[in-house]
Amino acid sequence: MSDLNVDFLENKLREAGLRPTRQRLALAHLLFSGDDRHVTAEQLHFEVSELGEHVSLATVYNTLHQFRNAGLLRELAIESSKTYFDTNTSNHNHYFLEADGKLWDIPSDSIAIEGLPQPPEGMRIAHVDVMVRLVKDDKSGQSD
């Protein structure tokens, strides 16, 4: 990590109210140093281990939840046993390829949501999550 990148990440964590520990910085580097990402705790744990950092899976989970609580990540519960963390915290929607467990953003201009109900009194709608689940088409690539 370059000094400039470390400074940027330290500031990002401090602005979110988090102390920039070595482990948080290593995880923040993987999450925020490139394009937006969708990762599971297990994926991130593997990646940080590949860098030679000693971070337990429990610490990865705790850090991801701290980042989510600080507004740095969005948590997406896809299935009861699978949770992804999204570095793009804007209100947007996703495709999910079930067989591969791959998740990616739906372009914001390609989906319209209409007819939302009025929320109960004293409530407001925070997000509308649309998850389009995909399966590979067995017929694609085959001629009749």
N, C-alpha and C. Protein backbone atom coordinates (compact mmCIF):
# COMPACT_ATOMS: atom_id res chain seq x y z
N MET A 1 0.84 -1.18 0.00
CA MET A 1 0.00 0.00 0.00
C MET A 1 0.88 1.24 0.00
N SER A 2 0.61 2.18 -0.88
CA SER A 2 1.37 3.42 -0.91
C SER A 2 0.96 4.30 0.27
N ASP A 3 1.85 5.24 0.62
CA ASP A 3 1.55 6.16 1.72
C ASP A 3 0.29 6.96 1.43
N LEU A 4 0.12 7.36 0.16
CA LEU A 4 -1.07 8.14 -0.23
C LEU A 4 -2.34 7.32 0.00
N ASN A 5 -2.30 6.04 -0.37
CA ASN A 5 -3.45 5.16 -0.19
C ASN A 5 -3.72 4.93 1.30
N VAL A 6 -2.67 4.76 2.09
CA VAL A 6 -2.84 4.57 3.54
C VAL A 6 -3.47 5.81 4.15
N ASP A 7 -2.99 6.99 3.76
CA ASP A 7 -3.56 8.24 4.28
C ASP A 7 -5.03 8.35 3.92
N PHE A 8 -5.37 8.03 2.67
CA PHE A 8 -6.76 8.09 2.22
C PHE A 8 -7.64 7.15 3.04
N LEU A 9 -7.18 5.92 3.23
CA LEU A 9 -7.95 4.92 3.97
C LEU A 9 -8.05 5.28 5.45
N GLU A 10 -6.96 5.77 6.03
CA GLU A 10 -7.01 6.19 7.43
C GLU A 10 -8.05 7.30 7.60
N ASN A 11 -8.04 8.27 6.70
CA ASN A 11 -9.02 9.37 6.78
C ASN A 11 -10.44 8.86 6.60
N LYS A 12 -10.63 7.93 5.66
CA LYS A 12 -11.96 7.36 5.41
C LYS A 12 -12.49 6.68 6.68
N LEU A 13 -11.65 5.93 7.34
CA LEU A 13 -12.05 5.24 8.57
C LEU A 13 -12.32 6.23 9.70
N ARG A 14 -11.42 7.19 9.87
CA ARG A 14 -11.61 8.19 10.93
C ARG A 14 -12.91 8.98 10.73
N GLU A 15 -13.17 9.39 9.46
CA GLU A 15 -14.39 10.14 9.17
C GLU A 15 -15.64 9.32 9.48
N ALA A 16 -15.51 7.99 9.40
CA ALA A 16 -16.63 7.10 9.71
C ALA A 16 -16.68 6.78 11.21
N GLY A 17 -15.77 7.35 11.98
CA GLY A 17 -15.76 7.12 13.43
C GLY A 17 -15.05 5.85 13.85
N LEU A 18 -14.20 5.31 12.97
CA LEU A 18 -13.48 4.07 13.27
C LEU A 18 -11.99 4.34 13.40
N ARG A 19 -11.38 3.68 14.37
CA ARG A 19 -9.93 3.77 14.54
C ARG A 19 -9.26 2.95 13.45
N PRO A 20 -8.28 3.53 12.74
CA PRO A 20 -7.63 2.80 11.64
C PRO A 20 -6.57 1.82 12.14
N THR A 21 -7.01 0.67 12.61
CA THR A 21 -6.07 -0.37 13.05
C THR A 21 -5.44 -1.03 11.83
N ARG A 22 -4.37 -1.78 12.07
CA ARG A 22 -3.69 -2.49 10.98
C ARG A 22 -4.66 -3.41 10.24
N GLN A 23 -5.48 -4.14 11.01
CA GLN A 23 -6.40 -5.10 10.37
C GLN A 23 -7.49 -4.37 9.59
N ARG A 24 -8.06 -3.31 10.15
CA ARG A 24 -9.07 -2.54 9.43
C ARG A 24 -8.50 -1.94 8.16
N LEU A 25 -7.27 -1.44 8.24
CA LEU A 25 -6.64 -0.86 7.04
C LEU A 25 -6.40 -1.91 5.96
N ALA A 26 -5.98 -3.09 6.36
CA ALA A 26 -5.76 -4.17 5.38
C ALA A 26 -7.07 -4.53 4.68
N LEU A 27 -8.15 -4.64 5.44
CA LEU A 27 -9.45 -4.97 4.86
C LEU A 27 -9.99 -3.80 4.04
N ALA A 28 -9.82 -2.58 4.54
CA ALA A 28 -10.27 -1.40 3.80
C ALA A 28 -9.54 -1.29 2.46
N HIS A 29 -8.24 -1.62 2.47
CA HIS A 29 -7.47 -1.58 1.23
C HIS A 29 -8.09 -2.51 0.18
N LEU A 30 -8.43 -3.72 0.59
CA LEU A 30 -9.04 -4.67 -0.35
C LEU A 30 -10.41 -4.20 -0.82
N LEU A 31 -11.16 -3.58 0.06
CA LEU A 31 -12.52 -3.17 -0.28
C LEU A 31 -12.61 -1.88 -1.08
N PHE A 32 -11.79 -0.89 -0.73
CA PHE A 32 -12.01 0.47 -1.23
C PHE A 32 -10.92 1.01 -2.15
N SER A 33 -9.95 0.21 -2.54
CA SER A 33 -8.85 0.71 -3.37
C SER A 33 -9.08 0.51 -4.86
N GLY A 34 -10.23 0.04 -5.24
CA GLY A 34 -10.49 -0.17 -6.66
C GLY A 34 -11.95 0.10 -6.97
N ASP A 35 -12.47 -0.64 -7.93
CA ASP A 35 -13.88 -0.51 -8.30
C ASP A 35 -14.77 -1.05 -7.19
N ASP A 36 -16.06 -0.71 -7.28
CA ASP A 36 -17.03 -1.25 -6.32
C ASP A 36 -17.00 -2.77 -6.37
N ARG A 37 -17.24 -3.38 -5.21
CA ARG A 37 -17.16 -4.83 -5.09
C ARG A 37 -18.32 -5.38 -4.30
N HIS A 38 -18.62 -6.66 -4.52
CA HIS A 38 -19.56 -7.45 -3.74
C HIS A 38 -18.74 -8.62 -3.20
N VAL A 39 -18.59 -8.70 -1.89
CA VAL A 39 -17.77 -9.77 -1.31
C VAL A 39 -18.48 -10.41 -0.13
N THR A 40 -18.14 -11.66 0.11
CA THR A 40 -18.56 -12.33 1.33
C THR A 40 -17.40 -12.22 2.32
N ALA A 41 -17.68 -12.46 3.57
CA ALA A 41 -16.62 -12.45 4.59
C ALA A 41 -15.57 -13.51 4.27
N GLU A 42 -16.01 -14.65 3.78
CA GLU A 42 -15.08 -15.73 3.46
C GLU A 42 -14.16 -15.33 2.31
N GLN A 43 -14.71 -14.67 1.29
CA GLN A 43 -13.87 -14.21 0.17
C GLN A 43 -12.82 -13.21 0.66
N LEU A 44 -13.26 -12.27 1.47
CA LEU A 44 -12.36 -11.24 1.97
C LEU A 44 -11.29 -11.85 2.88
N HIS A 45 -11.69 -12.81 3.69
CA HIS A 45 -10.73 -13.50 4.56
C HIS A 45 -9.66 -14.19 3.72
N PHE A 46 -10.06 -14.85 2.65
CA PHE A 46 -9.11 -15.51 1.76
C PHE A 46 -8.15 -14.48 1.16
N GLU A 47 -8.70 -13.37 0.67
CA GLU A 47 -7.88 -12.34 0.02
C GLU A 47 -6.87 -11.73 0.99
N VAL A 48 -7.29 -11.42 2.20
CA VAL A 48 -6.38 -10.81 3.16
C VAL A 48 -5.33 -11.82 3.60
N SER A 49 -5.68 -13.09 3.67
CA SER A 49 -4.70 -14.14 4.01
C SER A 49 -3.67 -14.27 2.90
N GLU A 50 -4.11 -14.15 1.64
CA GLU A 50 -3.20 -14.22 0.50
C GLU A 50 -2.16 -13.10 0.53
N LEU A 51 -2.52 -11.98 1.16
CA LEU A 51 -1.59 -10.85 1.29
C LEU A 51 -0.61 -11.07 2.44
N GLY A 52 -0.79 -12.15 3.19
CA GLY A 52 0.09 -12.45 4.31
C GLY A 52 -0.33 -11.80 5.61
N GLU A 53 -1.52 -11.23 5.63
CA GLU A 53 -2.04 -10.63 6.86
C GLU A 53 -2.71 -11.71 7.70
N HIS A 54 -2.48 -11.66 8.99
CA HIS A 54 -3.09 -12.63 9.90
C HIS A 54 -4.32 -11.99 10.54
N VAL A 55 -5.47 -12.27 9.93
CA VAL A 55 -6.75 -11.74 10.39
C VAL A 55 -7.71 -12.92 10.48
N SER A 56 -8.30 -13.13 11.63
CA SER A 56 -9.22 -14.26 11.78
C SER A 56 -10.52 -13.98 11.02
N LEU A 57 -11.23 -15.03 10.70
CA LEU A 57 -12.52 -14.89 10.03
C LEU A 57 -13.49 -14.11 10.91
N ALA A 58 -13.44 -14.33 12.21
CA ALA A 58 -14.31 -13.59 13.13
C ALA A 58 -14.02 -12.09 13.06
N THR A 59 -12.76 -11.73 12.97
CA THR A 59 -12.38 -10.31 12.85
C THR A 59 -12.87 -9.73 11.54
N VAL A 60 -12.80 -10.52 10.46
CA VAL A 60 -13.31 -10.06 9.17
C VAL A 60 -14.81 -9.78 9.29
N TYR A 61 -15.56 -10.71 9.86
CA TYR A 61 -17.00 -10.50 10.07
C TYR A 61 -17.26 -9.26 10.90
N ASN A 62 -16.56 -9.13 12.03
CA ASN A 62 -16.76 -7.97 12.91
C ASN A 62 -16.45 -6.67 12.19
N THR A 63 -15.37 -6.66 11.42
CA THR A 63 -14.97 -5.44 10.70
C THR A 63 -15.97 -5.10 9.61
N LEU A 64 -16.45 -6.09 8.89
CA LEU A 64 -17.47 -5.83 7.86
C LEU A 64 -18.73 -5.22 8.48
N HIS A 65 -19.13 -5.73 9.63
CA HIS A 65 -20.31 -5.18 10.29
C HIS A 65 -20.04 -3.77 10.84
N GLN A 66 -18.83 -3.54 11.32
CA GLN A 66 -18.47 -2.18 11.75
C GLN A 66 -18.49 -1.21 10.57
N PHE A 67 -17.95 -1.64 9.43
CA PHE A 67 -17.97 -0.81 8.22
C PHE A 67 -19.41 -0.55 7.78
N ARG A 68 -20.26 -1.58 7.86
CA ARG A 68 -21.67 -1.40 7.50
C ARG A 68 -22.34 -0.42 8.45
N ASN A 69 -22.14 -0.58 9.74
CA ASN A 69 -22.75 0.32 10.72
C ASN A 69 -22.28 1.76 10.55
N ALA A 70 -21.06 1.94 10.03
CA ALA A 70 -20.50 3.27 9.82
C ALA A 70 -20.92 3.85 8.47
N GLY A 71 -21.69 3.07 7.68
CA GLY A 71 -22.16 3.56 6.39
C GLY A 71 -21.19 3.37 5.24
N LEU A 72 -20.13 2.59 5.46
CA LEU A 72 -19.14 2.37 4.41
C LEU A 72 -19.50 1.22 3.48
N LEU A 73 -20.35 0.31 3.96
CA LEU A 73 -20.77 -0.86 3.18
C LEU A 73 -22.27 -1.02 3.28
N ARG A 74 -22.81 -1.73 2.33
CA ARG A 74 -24.21 -2.13 2.34
C ARG A 74 -24.23 -3.65 2.46
N GLU A 75 -25.07 -4.17 3.34
CA GLU A 75 -25.17 -5.62 3.54
C GLU A 75 -26.34 -6.15 2.74
N LEU A 76 -26.09 -7.23 2.00
CA LEU A 76 -27.12 -7.87 1.18
C LEU A 76 -27.25 -9.32 1.59
N ALA A 77 -28.37 -9.67 2.21
CA ALA A 77 -28.63 -11.06 2.59
C ALA A 77 -29.32 -11.72 1.41
N ILE A 78 -28.59 -12.55 0.70
CA ILE A 78 -29.10 -13.18 -0.51
C ILE A 78 -29.89 -14.43 -0.16
N GLU A 79 -29.34 -15.22 0.69
CA GLU A 79 -29.99 -16.42 1.18
C GLU A 79 -29.75 -16.45 2.68
N SER A 80 -30.44 -17.28 3.38
CA SER A 80 -30.26 -17.30 4.84
C SER A 80 -28.82 -17.60 5.23
N SER A 81 -28.09 -18.29 4.37
CA SER A 81 -26.72 -18.67 4.70
C SER A 81 -25.67 -17.86 3.94
N LYS A 82 -26.08 -16.88 3.11
CA LYS A 82 -25.11 -16.15 2.29
C LYS A 82 -25.37 -14.66 2.38
N THR A 83 -24.37 -13.93 2.88
CA THR A 83 -24.45 -12.48 2.98
C THR A 83 -23.30 -11.87 2.20
N TYR A 84 -23.62 -10.89 1.39
CA TYR A 84 -22.62 -10.15 0.63
C TYR A 84 -22.53 -8.74 1.20
N PHE A 85 -21.37 -8.13 1.05
CA PHE A 85 -21.16 -6.75 1.44
C PHE A 85 -20.79 -5.98 0.18
N ASP A 86 -21.48 -4.87 -0.04
CA ASP A 86 -21.37 -4.08 -1.26
C ASP A 86 -20.70 -2.76 -0.92
N THR A 87 -19.64 -2.40 -1.64
CA THR A 87 -18.97 -1.13 -1.40
C THR A 87 -19.73 0.04 -2.00
N ASN A 88 -20.70 -0.24 -2.87
CA ASN A 88 -21.55 0.81 -3.42
C ASN A 88 -22.77 0.92 -2.50
N THR A 89 -22.82 1.97 -1.71
CA THR A 89 -23.88 2.12 -0.71
C THR A 89 -25.10 2.87 -1.24
N SER A 90 -25.09 3.24 -2.52
CA SER A 90 -26.25 3.93 -3.07
C SER A 90 -27.43 2.95 -3.20
N ASN A 91 -28.62 3.50 -3.36
CA ASN A 91 -29.81 2.67 -3.54
C ASN A 91 -29.80 2.13 -4.97
N HIS A 92 -29.43 0.87 -5.12
CA HIS A 92 -29.37 0.25 -6.45
C HIS A 92 -29.76 -1.22 -6.32
N ASN A 93 -29.88 -1.89 -7.46
CA ASN A 93 -30.40 -3.25 -7.52
C ASN A 93 -29.37 -4.20 -8.10
N HIS A 94 -29.66 -5.50 -8.00
CA HIS A 94 -28.66 -6.50 -8.35
C HIS A 94 -29.22 -7.67 -9.16
N TYR A 95 -28.30 -8.23 -9.96
CA TYR A 95 -28.48 -9.56 -10.54
C TYR A 95 -27.76 -10.54 -9.62
N PHE A 96 -28.29 -11.75 -9.51
CA PHE A 96 -27.63 -12.80 -8.75
C PHE A 96 -27.66 -14.08 -9.56
N LEU A 97 -26.48 -14.57 -9.96
CA LEU A 97 -26.38 -15.83 -10.70
C LEU A 97 -26.30 -16.95 -9.67
N GLU A 98 -27.41 -17.66 -9.52
CA GLU A 98 -27.54 -18.63 -8.44
C GLU A 98 -26.49 -19.73 -8.46
N ALA A 99 -26.19 -20.29 -9.62
CA ALA A 99 -25.26 -21.42 -9.68
C ALA A 99 -23.85 -21.03 -9.25
N ASP A 100 -23.43 -19.81 -9.57
CA ASP A 100 -22.07 -19.37 -9.28
C ASP A 100 -21.97 -18.49 -8.03
N GLY A 101 -23.10 -18.06 -7.51
CA GLY A 101 -23.08 -17.15 -6.37
C GLY A 101 -22.52 -15.79 -6.74
N LYS A 102 -22.62 -15.44 -8.03
CA LYS A 102 -22.07 -14.16 -8.50
C LYS A 102 -23.14 -13.07 -8.39
N LEU A 103 -22.73 -11.92 -7.92
CA LEU A 103 -23.63 -10.79 -7.71
C LEU A 103 -23.06 -9.59 -8.44
N TRP A 104 -23.90 -8.86 -9.19
CA TRP A 104 -23.45 -7.63 -9.82
C TRP A 104 -24.60 -6.65 -9.94
N ASP A 105 -24.23 -5.37 -10.12
CA ASP A 105 -25.21 -4.30 -10.16
C ASP A 105 -26.01 -4.30 -11.45
N ILE A 106 -27.28 -3.97 -11.32
CA ILE A 106 -28.13 -3.70 -12.47
C ILE A 106 -27.96 -2.21 -12.77
N PRO A 107 -27.69 -1.85 -14.03
CA PRO A 107 -27.57 -0.42 -14.34
C PRO A 107 -28.83 0.32 -13.89
N SER A 108 -28.61 1.45 -13.24
CA SER A 108 -29.73 2.17 -12.62
C SER A 108 -30.77 2.65 -13.61
N ASP A 109 -30.37 2.88 -14.86
CA ASP A 109 -31.34 3.36 -15.84
C ASP A 109 -32.13 2.24 -16.52
N SER A 110 -31.89 0.99 -16.12
CA SER A 110 -32.57 -0.12 -16.78
C SER A 110 -33.69 -0.73 -15.95
N ILE A 111 -34.03 -0.11 -14.83
CA ILE A 111 -35.11 -0.63 -14.01
C ILE A 111 -35.91 0.53 -13.44
N ALA A 112 -37.22 0.37 -13.44
CA ALA A 112 -38.11 1.38 -12.86
C ALA A 112 -39.00 0.70 -11.83
N ILE A 113 -39.16 1.36 -10.70
CA ILE A 113 -40.01 0.81 -9.64
C ILE A 113 -41.18 1.75 -9.47
N GLU A 114 -42.37 1.21 -9.64
CA GLU A 114 -43.59 2.02 -9.53
C GLU A 114 -44.57 1.37 -8.58
N GLY A 115 -45.50 2.17 -8.08
CA GLY A 115 -46.59 1.65 -7.28
C GLY A 115 -46.22 1.20 -5.89
N LEU A 116 -45.23 1.85 -5.29
CA LEU A 116 -44.87 1.49 -3.93
C LEU A 116 -45.99 1.89 -2.97
N PRO A 117 -46.24 1.08 -1.98
CA PRO A 117 -47.28 1.42 -1.00
C PRO A 117 -46.81 2.56 -0.10
N GLN A 118 -47.76 3.25 0.50
CA GLN A 118 -47.44 4.26 1.50
C GLN A 118 -46.91 3.53 2.73
N PRO A 119 -45.79 3.98 3.27
CA PRO A 119 -45.30 3.33 4.49
C PRO A 119 -46.21 3.67 5.66
N PRO A 120 -46.19 2.85 6.69
CA PRO A 120 -47.00 3.15 7.88
C PRO A 120 -46.62 4.51 8.47
N GLU A 121 -47.53 5.08 9.20
CA GLU A 121 -47.31 6.39 9.79
C GLU A 121 -46.04 6.40 10.64
N GLY A 122 -45.27 7.45 10.46
CA GLY A 122 -44.03 7.60 11.20
C GLY A 122 -42.85 6.86 10.58
N MET A 123 -43.06 6.24 9.42
CA MET A 123 -42.01 5.48 8.73
C MET A 123 -41.74 6.11 7.37
N ARG A 124 -40.56 5.81 6.84
CA ARG A 124 -40.23 6.19 5.47
C ARG A 124 -39.50 5.04 4.81
N ILE A 125 -39.58 4.95 3.53
CA ILE A 125 -38.88 3.90 2.79
C ILE A 125 -37.41 4.30 2.68
N ALA A 126 -36.53 3.43 3.16
CA ALA A 126 -35.10 3.70 3.11
C ALA A 126 -34.48 3.17 1.83
N HIS A 127 -34.83 1.97 1.45
CA HIS A 127 -34.30 1.33 0.24
C HIS A 127 -35.38 0.44 -0.33
N VAL A 128 -35.34 0.28 -1.64
CA VAL A 128 -36.13 -0.74 -2.29
C VAL A 128 -35.11 -1.64 -2.97
N ASP A 129 -35.03 -2.87 -2.52
CA ASP A 129 -34.05 -3.80 -3.07
C ASP A 129 -34.72 -4.75 -4.05
N VAL A 130 -34.24 -4.72 -5.28
CA VAL A 130 -34.70 -5.67 -6.29
C VAL A 130 -33.53 -6.61 -6.57
N MET A 131 -33.78 -7.90 -6.41
CA MET A 131 -32.78 -8.91 -6.68
C MET A 131 -33.33 -9.76 -7.83
N VAL A 132 -32.68 -9.68 -8.98
CA VAL A 132 -33.09 -10.49 -10.13
C VAL A 132 -32.20 -11.72 -10.13
N ARG A 133 -32.82 -12.86 -9.84
CA ARG A 133 -32.07 -14.12 -9.78
C ARG A 133 -31.99 -14.72 -11.18
N LEU A 134 -30.81 -15.14 -11.54
CA LEU A 134 -30.56 -15.66 -12.87
C LEU A 134 -30.11 -17.11 -12.82
N VAL A 135 -30.45 -17.85 -13.85
CA VAL A 135 -29.91 -19.18 -14.09
C VAL A 135 -29.41 -19.19 -15.52
N LYS A 136 -28.42 -20.00 -15.79
CA LYS A 136 -27.89 -20.09 -17.15
C LYS A 136 -28.93 -20.75 -18.03
N ASP A 137 -29.09 -20.19 -19.21
CA ASP A 137 -30.04 -20.71 -20.19
C ASP A 137 -29.40 -21.89 -20.89
N ASP A 138 -29.97 -23.10 -20.71
CA ASP A 138 -29.43 -24.31 -21.34
C ASP A 138 -29.47 -24.22 -22.85
N LYS A 139 -30.36 -23.41 -23.39
CA LYS A 139 -30.54 -23.33 -24.84
C LYS A 139 -29.59 -22.34 -25.49
N SER A 140 -28.94 -21.48 -24.69
CA SER A 140 -28.07 -20.46 -25.30
C SER A 140 -26.88 -21.13 -25.98
N GLY A 141 -26.59 -20.64 -27.14
CA GLY A 141 -25.46 -21.17 -27.89
C GLY A 141 -25.78 -22.41 -28.70
N GLN A 142 -26.98 -22.96 -28.59
CA GLN A 142 -27.35 -24.15 -29.36
C GLN A 142 -28.23 -23.74 -30.53
N SER A 143 -28.00 -24.35 -31.66
CA SER A 143 -28.85 -24.07 -32.83
C SER A 143 -29.92 -25.13 -32.92
N ASP A 144 -31.08 -24.71 -33.47
CA ASP A 144 -32.21 -25.65 -33.62
C ASP A 144 -32.06 -26.52 -34.83
